[in-house]
Amino acid sequence: MSANAQRDEGTVSAERLRGFRWIVIAYAVSLAVAVAAGAWTLVRHPDLHPLWVVLIADVAGTVAIFAFSFAFANSSFYDAYWSAAPPVIAVYLALVPAAVAGDRGRLLLVFTLVSLWAVRLTWNWARGWTGLTHEDWRYVDFREKSGRPYWAVSFAGIHLFPTVQVFVACLPLYPALVSARPLGWLDAVAALVTLTGIVFELVADDQLRRFVRSSPSRDQILDTGIWAWSRHPNYFGEISFWLGVWLFGMAGDAGWWWTVLGPLAITVMFVFASLPMIETRMAARRAGWEEHVRRVPLLVPRPPRRV
């Protein structure tokens, strides 16, 4: 390695280290703000349902993260919030009085799977994040299109909206964690679906990372491995994970069936917002994308069609 290359690599490493320090500070502040908001809410309204306490604390933590995004002019401060919030929510719900009397087997199983998902997803973000100069391309696109109102757009669309989405998806955690019903066959199905989602995301993200690190040509498309069966297998895995969380809620208390709004909301967001943005970008950047679309399904994996 040349002296210049070593110097550049050292600069990148120093920038990443500085960035991660600020990320740790931002999330520590966010957690402190969320805990303070939750505690204040409980003092003022001791009989409030735990999920309302979670929502208030969650929004307060999001506002704290937004403050860092604004201060550093980089909305990607929020990127890890998607995976960092659910295990914190699960910890709080596991400590409410109703959960203490609930079935410990389901509680431990759900918390283990949520934690596994969170650690893997956060690690996948962290290993691809290059520092404070990096910002998700979608946020850059929002900035260019929105102009002066960008930070209002960022707060509402990039910070608050995903927080509400994840909160709604976490609603089934309450019946799953507080139920006294013993583990049953539906828990086994829920565990299988949830774990399948985690594995799909793990395999898809690792294959994508190896593809990117191989320095592919501009027109080359990842169409091997699990990516030969789905154009977006990582999103399929994410939807499967949240569907599994909902099934755990049903195993705890079927009266909470309406919390299916969680996985449905995330599916709608992906299918009608996130994926169209990615598909449009890929069509503009990859010459063979239209043929790839004809062969490989958008989301649910299946063998590729012959064209």
Protein backbone atom coordinates (compact mmCIF):
# COMPACT_ATOMS: atom_id res chain seq x y z
CA MET A 1 0.00 0.00 0.00
CA SER A 2 1.37 3.43 -0.96
CA ALA A 3 1.96 6.19 1.57
CA ASN A 4 -0.90 8.22 0.08
CA ALA A 5 -3.29 5.26 0.30
CA GLN A 6 -2.29 4.64 3.91
CA ARG A 7 -2.82 8.31 4.69
CA ASP A 8 -6.26 8.27 3.03
CA GLU A 9 -7.25 5.11 4.90
CA GLY A 10 -6.11 6.66 8.15
CA THR A 11 -8.17 9.77 7.45
CA VAL A 12 -11.27 7.66 6.75
CA SER A 13 -10.74 5.65 9.96
CA ALA A 14 -10.32 8.83 11.99
CA GLU A 15 -13.48 10.29 10.44
CA ARG A 16 -15.46 7.13 11.22
CA LEU A 17 -14.20 7.10 14.81
CA ARG A 18 -15.16 10.76 15.27
CA GLY A 19 -18.58 10.04 13.74
CA PHE A 20 -19.25 7.06 15.98
CA ARG A 21 -18.33 9.10 19.03
CA TRP A 22 -20.99 11.62 18.13
CA ILE A 23 -23.48 8.85 17.37
CA VAL A 24 -22.91 7.35 20.84
CA ILE A 25 -23.35 10.78 22.41
CA ALA A 26 -26.51 11.43 20.38
CA TYR A 27 -28.13 8.14 21.33
CA ALA A 28 -27.12 8.47 24.98
CA VAL A 29 -28.76 11.90 25.04
CA SER A 30 -31.81 10.50 23.21
CA LEU A 31 -32.17 7.68 25.75
CA ALA A 32 -31.83 10.11 28.66
CA VAL A 33 -34.46 12.42 27.16
CA ALA A 34 -36.80 9.48 26.50
CA VAL A 35 -36.42 8.15 30.05
CA ALA A 36 -36.99 11.63 31.49
CA ALA A 37 -40.09 12.13 29.33
CA GLY A 38 -41.45 8.73 30.32
CA ALA A 39 -40.77 9.31 34.01
CA TRP A 40 -42.40 12.76 33.90
CA THR A 41 -45.44 11.25 32.18
CA LEU A 42 -45.77 8.54 34.83
CA VAL A 43 -45.52 11.09 37.62
CA ARG A 44 -48.23 13.26 36.06
CA HIS A 45 -50.41 10.35 34.88
CA PRO A 46 -49.61 7.23 36.95
CA ASP A 47 -52.57 5.28 35.54
CA LEU A 48 -51.70 5.90 31.88
CA HIS A 49 -51.37 2.74 29.77
CA PRO A 50 -47.71 1.72 29.28
CA LEU A 51 -48.00 2.03 25.50
CA TRP A 52 -48.90 5.73 25.79
CA VAL A 53 -45.85 6.20 28.00
CA VAL A 54 -43.76 4.46 25.35
CA LEU A 55 -45.11 6.69 22.59
CA ILE A 56 -44.39 9.90 24.51
CA ALA A 57 -40.89 8.76 25.41
CA ASP A 58 -40.27 7.53 21.87
CA VAL A 59 -41.23 10.87 20.32
CA ALA A 60 -39.11 12.75 22.87
CA GLY A 61 -36.10 10.56 22.00
CA THR A 62 -36.72 11.19 18.30
CA VAL A 63 -36.75 14.96 18.86
CA ALA A 64 -33.37 14.64 20.57
CA ILE A 65 -31.93 12.74 17.62
CA PHE A 66 -33.38 15.31 15.24
CA ALA A 67 -31.54 18.02 17.17
CA PHE A 68 -28.25 16.27 16.35
CA SER A 69 -29.28 15.76 12.72
CA PHE A 70 -30.00 19.47 12.44
CA ALA A 71 -26.83 20.53 14.28
CA PHE A 72 -24.62 18.41 12.01
CA ALA A 73 -26.75 18.98 8.86
CA ASN A 74 -26.99 15.20 8.41
CA SER A 75 -30.29 13.34 8.77
CA SER A 76 -28.49 10.00 8.85
CA PHE A 77 -28.07 10.49 12.59
CA TYR A 78 -31.51 8.89 12.67
CA ASP A 79 -30.56 5.76 10.68
CA ALA A 80 -29.85 3.55 13.69
CA TYR A 81 -33.01 4.61 15.54
CA TRP A 82 -35.11 2.12 13.57
CA SER A 83 -33.24 -0.81 15.11
CA ALA A 84 -32.26 0.78 18.45
CA ALA A 85 -35.76 1.67 19.67
CA PRO A 86 -37.57 -1.74 19.69
CA PRO A 87 -35.33 -3.51 22.25
CA VAL A 88 -35.57 -0.47 24.55
CA ILE A 89 -39.35 -0.56 24.19
CA ALA A 90 -39.31 -4.30 24.91
CA VAL A 91 -37.23 -3.77 28.07
CA TYR A 92 -39.70 -1.21 29.41
CA LEU A 93 -42.75 -3.35 28.60
CA ALA A 94 -41.07 -6.39 30.21
CA LEU A 95 -40.78 -4.43 33.46
CA VAL A 96 -44.40 -3.25 33.78
CA PRO A 97 -46.35 -5.03 36.56
CA ALA A 98 -48.51 -6.99 34.10
CA ALA A 99 -45.41 -8.45 32.43
CA VAL A 100 -43.90 -9.51 35.74
CA ALA A 101 -46.89 -11.84 36.20
CA GLY A 102 -46.79 -13.01 32.57
CA ASP A 103 -45.33 -16.11 30.99
CA ARG A 104 -41.55 -15.92 31.30
CA GLY A 105 -40.95 -18.35 28.45
CA ARG A 106 -42.62 -16.16 25.85
CA LEU A 107 -41.07 -13.03 27.33
CA LEU A 108 -37.55 -14.45 27.05
CA LEU A 109 -38.16 -15.83 23.55
CA VAL A 110 -39.57 -12.57 22.21
CA PHE A 111 -36.92 -10.42 23.85
CA THR A 112 -34.13 -12.68 22.53
CA LEU A 113 -35.41 -12.51 18.95
CA VAL A 114 -36.00 -8.74 19.05
CA SER A 115 -32.51 -8.24 20.47
CA LEU A 116 -30.97 -10.52 17.83
CA TRP A 117 -32.74 -8.57 15.08
CA ALA A 118 -31.70 -5.23 16.57
CA VAL A 119 -28.03 -6.12 17.04
CA ARG A 120 -27.70 -7.56 13.55
CA LEU A 121 -29.45 -4.65 11.84
CA THR A 122 -27.53 -2.04 13.83
CA TRP A 123 -24.25 -3.80 13.10
CA ASN A 124 -25.07 -3.91 9.39
CA TRP A 125 -25.67 -0.15 9.48
CA ALA A 126 -22.51 0.53 11.50
CA ARG A 127 -20.14 -1.40 9.26
CA GLY A 128 -21.36 0.48 6.20
CA TRP A 129 -21.40 3.94 7.75
CA THR A 130 -18.32 5.97 6.84
CA GLY A 131 -18.76 8.92 9.18
CA LEU A 132 -20.44 12.29 9.52
CA THR A 133 -19.84 13.10 5.86
CA HIS A 134 -22.08 10.17 4.84
CA GLU A 135 -25.80 10.72 4.37
CA ASP A 136 -28.37 8.34 2.92
CA TRP A 137 -28.94 9.11 -0.79
CA ARG A 138 -32.68 9.34 -0.19
CA TYR A 139 -32.19 12.16 2.29
CA VAL A 140 -29.96 13.96 -0.18
CA ASP A 141 -32.72 13.59 -2.76
CA PHE A 142 -35.29 14.98 -0.31
CA ARG A 143 -32.98 17.92 0.38
CA GLU A 144 -32.62 18.74 -3.31
CA LYS A 145 -36.36 18.48 -4.01
CA SER A 146 -37.69 20.26 -0.92
CA GLY A 147 -35.30 23.21 -0.82
CA ARG A 148 -35.77 25.64 2.08
CA PRO A 149 -38.41 23.58 3.97
CA TYR A 150 -36.05 20.59 4.03
CA TRP A 151 -35.67 20.43 7.81
CA ALA A 152 -39.42 20.42 8.32
CA VAL A 153 -39.56 17.57 5.78
CA SER A 154 -36.70 15.83 7.56
CA PHE A 155 -38.36 16.04 10.97
CA ALA A 156 -41.77 14.90 9.73
CA GLY A 157 -40.78 12.36 7.08
CA ILE A 158 -37.31 11.06 7.99
CA HIS A 159 -37.52 11.18 11.79
CA LEU A 160 -41.06 11.27 13.19
CA PHE A 161 -42.86 9.15 10.58
CA PRO A 162 -40.54 6.11 10.89
CA THR A 163 -40.67 6.42 14.68
CA VAL A 164 -44.46 6.19 14.58
CA GLN A 165 -44.25 3.30 12.10
CA VAL A 166 -41.95 1.30 14.36
CA PHE A 167 -44.02 2.17 17.43
CA VAL A 168 -47.16 0.82 15.73
CA ALA A 169 -45.23 -2.31 14.70
CA CYS A 170 -44.14 -2.75 18.34
CA LEU A 171 -47.70 -2.68 19.70
CA PRO A 172 -47.98 -6.52 19.64
CA LEU A 173 -45.04 -6.64 22.04
CA TYR A 174 -47.40 -5.66 24.85
CA PRO A 175 -49.73 -8.69 24.67
CA ALA A 176 -46.75 -10.90 23.88
CA LEU A 177 -44.81 -9.80 26.97
CA VAL A 178 -47.60 -9.44 29.54
CA SER A 179 -49.67 -12.53 28.72
CA ALA A 180 -49.80 -15.35 31.26
CA ARG A 181 -50.82 -17.83 28.56
CA PRO A 182 -48.25 -20.67 28.29
CA LEU A 183 -46.19 -21.11 25.13
CA GLY A 184 -48.11 -22.90 22.38
CA TRP A 185 -48.07 -23.83 18.72
CA LEU A 186 -48.65 -20.23 17.58
CA ASP A 187 -45.51 -19.18 19.45
CA ALA A 188 -43.60 -21.79 17.46
CA VAL A 189 -44.98 -20.37 14.20
CA ALA A 190 -44.17 -16.83 15.35
CA ALA A 191 -40.61 -17.81 16.24
CA LEU A 192 -40.15 -19.50 12.86
CA VAL A 193 -41.45 -16.48 10.93
CA THR A 194 -39.44 -14.00 12.99
CA LEU A 195 -36.23 -16.01 12.74
CA THR A 196 -36.77 -16.53 9.00
CA GLY A 197 -36.97 -12.76 8.59
CA ILE A 198 -33.75 -12.24 10.53
CA VAL A 199 -31.92 -14.89 8.49
CA PHE A 200 -33.21 -13.46 5.20
CA GLU A 201 -31.91 -10.01 6.13
CA LEU A 202 -28.59 -11.42 7.30
CA VAL A 203 -27.97 -13.41 4.12
CA ALA A 204 -29.24 -10.64 1.81
CA ASP A 205 -27.16 -7.92 3.45
CA ASP A 206 -24.01 -10.04 3.50
CA GLN A 207 -24.39 -10.98 -0.19
CA LEU A 208 -25.01 -7.34 -1.08
CA ARG A 209 -21.97 -6.22 0.89
CA ARG A 210 -19.74 -8.76 -0.87
CA PHE A 211 -21.13 -7.65 -4.24
CA VAL A 212 -20.41 -3.98 -3.54
CA ARG A 213 -16.90 -4.75 -2.25
CA SER A 214 -16.15 -6.65 -5.49
CA SER A 215 -16.22 -3.31 -7.36
CA PRO A 216 -18.85 -4.31 -9.95
CA SER A 217 -19.22 -2.43 -13.21
CA ARG A 218 -21.76 0.39 -13.37
CA ASP A 219 -24.33 -1.75 -15.21
CA GLN A 220 -23.80 -4.96 -13.24
CA ILE A 221 -26.80 -6.18 -11.22
CA LEU A 222 -26.71 -8.49 -8.21
CA ASP A 223 -28.72 -11.49 -9.45
CA THR A 224 -27.06 -14.39 -7.67
CA GLY A 225 -27.77 -16.14 -4.39
CA ILE A 226 -30.92 -15.01 -2.65
CA TRP A 227 -31.00 -11.94 -4.91
CA ALA A 228 -31.82 -14.21 -7.85
CA TRP A 229 -35.16 -14.98 -6.18
CA SER A 230 -36.16 -11.47 -5.06
CA ARG A 231 -35.12 -7.96 -6.07
CA HIS A 232 -35.35 -6.86 -2.44
CA PRO A 233 -34.92 -9.89 -0.15
CA ASN A 234 -33.75 -7.70 2.74
CA TYR A 235 -37.11 -5.90 2.73
CA PHE A 236 -38.93 -9.24 2.58
CA GLY A 237 -36.96 -10.27 5.67
CA GLU A 238 -37.89 -7.06 7.49
CA ILE A 239 -41.59 -7.53 6.77
CA SER A 240 -41.37 -11.16 7.89
CA PHE A 241 -39.77 -10.12 11.18
CA TRP A 242 -42.59 -7.72 12.04
CA LEU A 243 -45.21 -10.25 10.98
CA GLY A 244 -43.61 -12.68 13.43
CA VAL A 245 -43.76 -10.08 16.21
CA TRP A 246 -47.49 -9.69 15.53
CA LEU A 247 -47.97 -13.46 15.70
CA PHE A 248 -46.32 -13.46 19.12
CA GLY A 249 -48.88 -10.86 20.17
CA MET A 250 -51.67 -13.12 18.91
CA ALA A 251 -50.19 -16.04 20.83
CA GLY A 252 -50.32 -13.90 23.97
CA ASP A 253 -53.81 -12.43 23.49
CA ALA A 254 -55.86 -12.78 20.30
CA GLY A 255 -57.90 -9.75 21.36
CA TRP A 256 -55.02 -7.63 20.11
CA TRP A 257 -55.57 -8.84 16.51
CA TRP A 258 -55.93 -5.23 15.35
CA THR A 259 -52.20 -4.67 15.94
CA VAL A 260 -51.77 -6.32 12.54
CA LEU A 261 -51.76 -2.65 11.51
CA GLY A 262 -48.07 -2.72 12.47
CA PRO A 263 -46.72 -5.14 9.85
CA LEU A 264 -49.31 -3.86 7.36
CA ALA A 265 -48.14 -0.26 7.80
CA ILE A 266 -44.52 -1.23 7.31
CA THR A 267 -45.40 -3.29 4.23
CA VAL A 268 -47.34 -0.38 2.74
CA MET A 269 -44.46 2.00 3.44
CA PHE A 270 -41.98 -0.30 1.73
CA VAL A 271 -44.16 -1.18 -1.26
CA PHE A 272 -45.48 2.31 -1.99
CA ALA A 273 -42.62 4.55 -0.80
CA SER A 274 -39.21 2.98 -0.20
CA LEU A 275 -39.16 0.38 -2.98
CA PRO A 276 -40.44 2.70 -5.75
CA MET A 277 -37.61 5.12 -4.92
CA ILE A 278 -35.04 2.34 -5.14
CA GLU A 279 -36.57 0.86 -8.29
CA THR A 280 -36.56 4.27 -10.02
CA ARG A 281 -32.94 4.82 -9.05
CA MET A 282 -31.89 1.38 -10.27
CA ALA A 283 -33.75 1.79 -13.59
CA ALA A 284 -31.86 5.04 -14.18
CA ARG A 285 -28.47 3.59 -13.24
CA ARG A 286 -28.55 -0.01 -14.55
CA ALA A 287 -28.99 -0.65 -18.29
CA GLY A 288 -30.38 -4.19 -17.81
CA TRP A 289 -32.79 -3.36 -15.00
CA GLU A 290 -36.00 -3.77 -17.07
CA GLU A 291 -35.04 -7.31 -18.06
CA HIS A 292 -34.10 -8.03 -14.44
CA VAL A 293 -37.57 -6.84 -13.35
CA ARG A 294 -39.21 -9.26 -15.80
CA ARG A 295 -37.26 -12.20 -14.41
CA VAL A 296 -37.06 -11.54 -10.68
CA PRO A 297 -40.05 -10.71 -8.40
CA LEU A 298 -40.11 -7.48 -6.43
CA LEU A 299 -40.38 -8.84 -2.91
CA VAL A 300 -41.64 -12.38 -2.17
CA PRO A 301 -38.92 -14.86 -3.21
CA ARG A 302 -39.55 -17.37 -5.98
CA PRO A 303 -37.41 -18.95 -8.71
CA PRO A 304 -36.58 -16.45 -11.48
CA ARG A 305 -38.61 -16.58 -14.68
CA ARG A 306 -37.01 -17.52 -17.99
CA VAL A 307 -37.06 -14.58 -20.43
